[in-house]
Amino acid sequence: MALFLAYVTVFIAGPAVFLGLTRAAPSRHRVMMGAASVAGLMAAAWILKGVQQVDVIILAWLTCAWLGWVVTIATVVQAVRLRMGLTGVRKWSAALGAAATAAPWFGLSLALGT
């Protein structure tokens, strides 16, 4: 069951969160907010990793690290859209960014050897 929930989180929730974050038009303010959010999520994950390891803390740490990854991708996509300013970039960046949110799943699968 836990593997199924991880699968749903990575392949459904990850792209949904990413697409929600990149729906608005790109701006410098959004890119800076994204960068600050990533820094905050990574700091929270780092702090939680040092706390006594119980199930809830481990889940909170994983959530912070995973959201940090998704927000990082969304921030980079918004920065690329802002910099490039091309019309075709929006569709391709949305498709590639949503697919990139699943990269940790493949890394975990490779690490486990399954």
N, C-alpha and C. Protein backbone atom coordinates (compact mmCIF):
# COMPACT_ATOMS: atom_id res chain seq x y z
N MET A 1 0.82 -1.20 0.00
CA MET A 1 0.00 0.00 0.00
C MET A 1 0.86 1.26 0.00
N ALA A 2 1.96 1.21 0.76
CA ALA A 2 2.82 2.39 0.82
C ALA A 2 3.46 2.68 -0.53
N LEU A 3 3.81 1.63 -1.25
CA LEU A 3 4.40 1.81 -2.58
C LEU A 3 3.38 2.41 -3.54
N PHE A 4 2.13 1.98 -3.43
CA PHE A 4 1.06 2.54 -4.26
C PHE A 4 0.86 4.02 -3.97
N LEU A 5 0.84 4.39 -2.69
CA LEU A 5 0.69 5.80 -2.32
C LEU A 5 1.86 6.64 -2.81
N ALA A 6 3.06 6.08 -2.74
CA ALA A 6 4.23 6.80 -3.27
C ALA A 6 4.09 6.99 -4.77
N TYR A 7 3.63 5.97 -5.46
CA TYR A 7 3.43 6.05 -6.91
C TYR A 7 2.42 7.13 -7.26
N VAL A 8 1.28 7.14 -6.58
CA VAL A 8 0.24 8.14 -6.84
C VAL A 8 0.76 9.54 -6.54
N THR A 9 1.50 9.68 -5.46
CA THR A 9 2.05 10.97 -5.09
C THR A 9 3.00 11.48 -6.17
N VAL A 10 3.89 10.63 -6.62
CA VAL A 10 4.91 11.06 -7.58
C VAL A 10 4.32 11.29 -8.96
N PHE A 11 3.46 10.41 -9.43
CA PHE A 11 2.98 10.50 -10.81
C PHE A 11 1.69 11.28 -11.00
N ILE A 12 0.97 11.58 -9.92
CA ILE A 12 -0.26 12.37 -10.05
C ILE A 12 -0.13 13.69 -9.30
N ALA A 13 0.22 13.61 -8.03
CA ALA A 13 0.31 14.84 -7.23
C ALA A 13 1.48 15.72 -7.67
N GLY A 14 2.62 15.13 -8.00
CA GLY A 14 3.78 15.92 -8.42
C GLY A 14 3.51 16.77 -9.64
N PRO A 15 3.05 16.17 -10.75
CA PRO A 15 2.72 16.99 -11.91
C PRO A 15 1.59 17.98 -11.65
N ALA A 16 0.62 17.61 -10.82
CA ALA A 16 -0.48 18.53 -10.52
C ALA A 16 0.02 19.76 -9.76
N VAL A 17 0.88 19.54 -8.76
CA VAL A 17 1.45 20.67 -8.01
C VAL A 17 2.30 21.53 -8.95
N PHE A 18 3.12 20.88 -9.77
CA PHE A 18 3.96 21.61 -10.72
C PHE A 18 3.12 22.47 -11.66
N LEU A 19 2.10 21.88 -12.27
CA LEU A 19 1.27 22.62 -13.21
C LEU A 19 0.52 23.75 -12.51
N GLY A 20 0.13 23.55 -11.26
CA GLY A 20 -0.50 24.62 -10.50
C GLY A 20 0.45 25.78 -10.25
N LEU A 21 1.71 25.46 -9.97
CA LEU A 21 2.70 26.52 -9.70
C LEU A 21 3.12 27.26 -10.97
N THR A 22 3.03 26.63 -12.12
CA THR A 22 3.47 27.27 -13.35
C THR A 22 2.33 27.79 -14.20
N ARG A 23 1.12 27.73 -13.70
CA ARG A 23 -0.04 28.21 -14.46
C ARG A 23 0.01 29.72 -14.69
N ALA A 24 0.42 30.46 -13.69
CA ALA A 24 0.46 31.93 -13.81
C ALA A 24 1.59 32.37 -14.72
N ALA A 25 1.45 33.56 -15.23
CA ALA A 25 2.50 34.12 -16.10
C ALA A 25 3.78 34.31 -15.30
N PRO A 26 4.93 34.04 -15.93
CA PRO A 26 6.19 34.18 -15.20
C PRO A 26 6.53 35.65 -14.93
N SER A 27 7.15 35.88 -13.78
CA SER A 27 7.63 37.22 -13.42
C SER A 27 8.84 37.05 -12.50
N ARG A 28 9.61 38.10 -12.36
CA ARG A 28 10.77 38.04 -11.46
C ARG A 28 10.32 37.77 -10.03
N HIS A 29 9.21 38.37 -9.66
CA HIS A 29 8.69 38.18 -8.31
C HIS A 29 8.38 36.70 -8.05
N ARG A 30 7.73 36.02 -8.99
CA ARG A 30 7.41 34.59 -8.83
C ARG A 30 8.67 33.74 -8.76
N VAL A 31 9.67 34.08 -9.57
CA VAL A 31 10.92 33.31 -9.54
C VAL A 31 11.61 33.50 -8.19
N MET A 32 11.63 34.72 -7.68
CA MET A 32 12.26 34.96 -6.37
C MET A 32 11.48 34.27 -5.25
N MET A 33 10.16 34.27 -5.33
CA MET A 33 9.35 33.57 -4.32
C MET A 33 9.59 32.06 -4.39
N GLY A 34 9.74 31.54 -5.60
CA GLY A 34 10.03 30.12 -5.76
C GLY A 34 11.38 29.76 -5.16
N ALA A 35 12.38 30.60 -5.41
CA ALA A 35 13.72 30.34 -4.85
C ALA A 35 13.69 30.40 -3.33
N ALA A 36 12.97 31.35 -2.78
CA ALA A 36 12.85 31.45 -1.31
C ALA A 36 12.10 30.24 -0.75
N SER A 37 11.08 29.78 -1.46
CA SER A 37 10.33 28.60 -1.01
C SER A 37 11.21 27.36 -1.01
N VAL A 38 12.02 27.21 -2.04
CA VAL A 38 12.92 26.06 -2.10
C VAL A 38 13.90 26.10 -0.94
N ALA A 39 14.47 27.28 -0.68
CA ALA A 39 15.42 27.42 0.43
C ALA A 39 14.73 27.07 1.76
N GLY A 40 13.51 27.54 1.95
CA GLY A 40 12.78 27.24 3.18
C GLY A 40 12.45 25.77 3.33
N LEU A 41 12.02 25.14 2.24
CA LEU A 41 11.71 23.70 2.29
C LEU A 41 12.95 22.86 2.55
N MET A 42 14.06 23.22 1.95
CA MET A 42 15.29 22.46 2.17
C MET A 42 15.81 22.68 3.60
N ALA A 43 15.67 23.90 4.11
CA ALA A 43 16.07 24.14 5.50
C ALA A 43 15.20 23.33 6.46
N ALA A 44 13.90 23.29 6.18
CA ALA A 44 13.00 22.49 7.03
C ALA A 44 13.35 21.01 6.96
N ALA A 45 13.66 20.52 5.76
CA ALA A 45 14.05 19.11 5.62
C ALA A 45 15.34 18.84 6.38
N TRP A 46 16.28 19.75 6.31
CA TRP A 46 17.56 19.58 7.01
C TRP A 46 17.35 19.56 8.52
N ILE A 47 16.50 20.44 9.02
CA ILE A 47 16.21 20.49 10.47
C ILE A 47 15.49 19.22 10.90
N LEU A 48 14.50 18.79 10.12
CA LEU A 48 13.74 17.59 10.47
C LEU A 48 14.60 16.33 10.43
N LYS A 49 15.60 16.32 9.56
CA LYS A 49 16.48 15.15 9.48
C LYS A 49 17.28 14.96 10.77
N GLY A 50 17.54 16.07 11.47
CA GLY A 50 18.30 15.99 12.71
C GLY A 50 17.47 15.64 13.93
N VAL A 51 16.15 15.64 13.79
CA VAL A 51 15.26 15.32 14.91
C VAL A 51 15.17 13.80 15.05
N GLN A 52 14.80 13.36 16.25
CA GLN A 52 14.68 11.92 16.49
C GLN A 52 13.78 11.29 15.43
N GLN A 53 14.23 10.20 14.85
CA GLN A 53 13.56 9.60 13.70
C GLN A 53 12.37 8.73 14.13
N VAL A 54 11.19 9.32 14.07
CA VAL A 54 9.93 8.58 14.23
C VAL A 54 9.18 8.68 12.91
N ASP A 55 8.17 7.87 12.73
CA ASP A 55 7.48 7.79 11.44
C ASP A 55 6.96 9.14 10.95
N VAL A 56 6.36 9.93 11.83
CA VAL A 56 5.79 11.21 11.42
C VAL A 56 6.90 12.17 10.98
N ILE A 57 8.00 12.19 11.67
CA ILE A 57 9.12 13.08 11.32
C ILE A 57 9.73 12.65 9.99
N ILE A 58 9.86 11.35 9.79
CA ILE A 58 10.41 10.86 8.52
C ILE A 58 9.50 11.26 7.37
N LEU A 59 8.19 11.13 7.56
CA LEU A 59 7.24 11.51 6.52
C LEU A 59 7.30 13.02 6.26
N ALA A 60 7.41 13.82 7.31
CA ALA A 60 7.52 15.27 7.14
C ALA A 60 8.81 15.64 6.41
N TRP A 61 9.90 14.95 6.75
CA TRP A 61 11.18 15.20 6.06
C TRP A 61 11.07 14.87 4.58
N LEU A 62 10.51 13.71 4.26
CA LEU A 62 10.33 13.33 2.86
C LEU A 62 9.42 14.30 2.11
N THR A 63 8.37 14.75 2.77
CA THR A 63 7.46 15.71 2.15
C THR A 63 8.17 17.01 1.83
N CYS A 64 8.95 17.52 2.77
CA CYS A 64 9.71 18.76 2.54
C CYS A 64 10.71 18.59 1.40
N ALA A 65 11.42 17.48 1.39
CA ALA A 65 12.40 17.25 0.33
C ALA A 65 11.71 17.09 -1.03
N TRP A 66 10.61 16.36 -1.06
CA TRP A 66 9.89 16.16 -2.32
C TRP A 66 9.29 17.47 -2.83
N LEU A 67 8.63 18.23 -1.95
CA LEU A 67 8.08 19.52 -2.37
C LEU A 67 9.19 20.47 -2.81
N GLY A 68 10.34 20.41 -2.16
CA GLY A 68 11.48 21.22 -2.58
C GLY A 68 11.88 20.89 -4.01
N TRP A 69 11.87 19.60 -4.36
CA TRP A 69 12.20 19.18 -5.72
C TRP A 69 11.18 19.72 -6.72
N VAL A 70 9.89 19.57 -6.42
CA VAL A 70 8.85 20.02 -7.34
C VAL A 70 8.87 21.54 -7.49
N VAL A 71 9.05 22.26 -6.40
CA VAL A 71 9.10 23.73 -6.46
C VAL A 71 10.36 24.18 -7.20
N THR A 72 11.46 23.46 -7.05
CA THR A 72 12.68 23.79 -7.80
C THR A 72 12.42 23.69 -9.30
N ILE A 73 11.79 22.62 -9.73
CA ILE A 73 11.49 22.46 -11.15
C ILE A 73 10.56 23.57 -11.63
N ALA A 74 9.52 23.88 -10.85
CA ALA A 74 8.59 24.93 -11.24
C ALA A 74 9.29 26.29 -11.32
N THR A 75 10.20 26.56 -10.39
CA THR A 75 10.92 27.83 -10.39
C THR A 75 11.84 27.93 -11.61
N VAL A 76 12.53 26.86 -11.93
CA VAL A 76 13.41 26.87 -13.10
C VAL A 76 12.59 27.06 -14.37
N VAL A 77 11.46 26.39 -14.47
CA VAL A 77 10.61 26.54 -15.66
C VAL A 77 10.10 27.97 -15.77
N GLN A 78 9.69 28.56 -14.67
CA GLN A 78 9.24 29.96 -14.71
C GLN A 78 10.38 30.89 -15.11
N ALA A 79 11.58 30.63 -14.63
CA ALA A 79 12.74 31.46 -15.00
C ALA A 79 13.06 31.32 -16.49
N VAL A 80 12.98 30.09 -17.00
CA VAL A 80 13.23 29.87 -18.43
C VAL A 80 12.17 30.57 -19.27
N ARG A 81 10.93 30.45 -18.86
CA ARG A 81 9.84 31.12 -19.60
C ARG A 81 10.03 32.63 -19.59
N LEU A 82 10.43 33.17 -18.44
CA LEU A 82 10.65 34.61 -18.33
C LEU A 82 11.79 35.05 -19.22
N ARG A 83 12.86 34.28 -19.23
CA ARG A 83 14.06 34.62 -20.02
C ARG A 83 13.84 34.44 -21.51
N MET A 84 13.22 33.34 -21.91
CA MET A 84 13.06 33.03 -23.33
C MET A 84 11.96 33.87 -23.98
N GLY A 85 10.81 33.93 -23.36
CA GLY A 85 9.71 34.73 -23.89
C GLY A 85 9.14 34.22 -25.22
N LEU A 86 9.37 32.96 -25.55
CA LEU A 86 8.85 32.39 -26.79
C LEU A 86 7.49 31.74 -26.55
N THR A 87 6.66 31.70 -27.58
CA THR A 87 5.32 31.15 -27.41
C THR A 87 5.34 29.62 -27.25
N GLY A 88 6.19 28.93 -27.98
CA GLY A 88 6.22 27.47 -27.91
C GLY A 88 6.86 26.93 -26.65
N VAL A 89 7.56 27.78 -25.91
CA VAL A 89 8.26 27.33 -24.71
C VAL A 89 7.26 26.90 -23.62
N ARG A 90 6.12 27.52 -23.58
CA ARG A 90 5.15 27.22 -22.52
C ARG A 90 4.69 25.76 -22.56
N LYS A 91 4.33 25.26 -23.72
CA LYS A 91 3.84 23.88 -23.82
C LYS A 91 4.95 22.87 -23.53
N TRP A 92 6.10 23.08 -24.14
CA TRP A 92 7.21 22.14 -23.96
C TRP A 92 7.72 22.16 -22.53
N SER A 93 7.82 23.34 -21.95
CA SER A 93 8.32 23.42 -20.57
C SER A 93 7.33 22.79 -19.60
N ALA A 94 6.04 22.91 -19.87
CA ALA A 94 5.04 22.27 -19.00
C ALA A 94 5.14 20.76 -19.09
N ALA A 95 5.29 20.24 -20.29
CA ALA A 95 5.38 18.79 -20.47
C ALA A 95 6.66 18.23 -19.86
N LEU A 96 7.79 18.86 -20.15
CA LEU A 96 9.07 18.36 -19.61
C LEU A 96 9.16 18.55 -18.10
N GLY A 97 8.66 19.66 -17.59
CA GLY A 97 8.69 19.89 -16.14
C GLY A 97 7.82 18.91 -15.38
N ALA A 98 6.63 18.64 -15.90
CA ALA A 98 5.75 17.67 -15.25
C ALA A 98 6.38 16.27 -15.25
N ALA A 99 7.05 15.94 -16.34
CA ALA A 99 7.73 14.64 -16.38
C ALA A 99 8.92 14.60 -15.42
N ALA A 100 9.60 15.73 -15.25
CA ALA A 100 10.76 15.78 -14.36
C ALA A 100 10.39 15.60 -12.89
N THR A 101 9.15 15.88 -12.54
CA THR A 101 8.75 15.69 -11.14
C THR A 101 8.80 14.22 -10.73
N ALA A 102 8.79 13.33 -11.72
CA ALA A 102 8.82 11.89 -11.43
C ALA A 102 10.24 11.34 -11.34
N ALA A 103 11.25 12.15 -11.59
CA ALA A 103 12.63 11.68 -11.58
C ALA A 103 13.03 10.99 -10.26
N PRO A 104 12.61 11.48 -9.10
CA PRO A 104 12.98 10.76 -7.87
C PRO A 104 12.45 9.33 -7.82
N TRP A 105 11.31 9.08 -8.42
CA TRP A 105 10.77 7.72 -8.44
C TRP A 105 11.73 6.78 -9.15
N PHE A 106 12.25 7.21 -10.28
CA PHE A 106 13.17 6.37 -11.04
C PHE A 106 14.49 6.20 -10.30
N GLY A 107 14.94 7.24 -9.63
CA GLY A 107 16.16 7.13 -8.83
C GLY A 107 15.99 6.15 -7.69
N LEU A 108 14.84 6.21 -7.03
CA LEU A 108 14.56 5.27 -5.94
C LEU A 108 14.49 3.85 -6.47
N SER A 109 13.84 3.68 -7.60
CA SER A 109 13.73 2.36 -8.21
C SER A 109 15.10 1.79 -8.57
N LEU A 110 15.95 2.62 -9.14
CA LEU A 110 17.29 2.18 -9.49
C LEU A 110 18.11 1.86 -8.23
N ALA A 111 17.96 2.68 -7.20
CA ALA A 111 18.71 2.46 -5.97
C ALA A 111 18.29 1.17 -5.29
N LEU A 112 17.02 0.84 -5.37
CA LEU A 112 16.53 -0.39 -4.74
C LEU A 112 16.84 -1.61 -5.58
N GLY A 113 17.19 -1.39 -6.85
CA GLY A 113 17.53 -2.51 -7.73
C GLY A 113 16.32 -3.26 -8.23
N THR A 114 15.15 -2.59 -8.25
CA THR A 114 13.94 -3.27 -8.74
C THR A 114 13.58 -2.82 -10.12
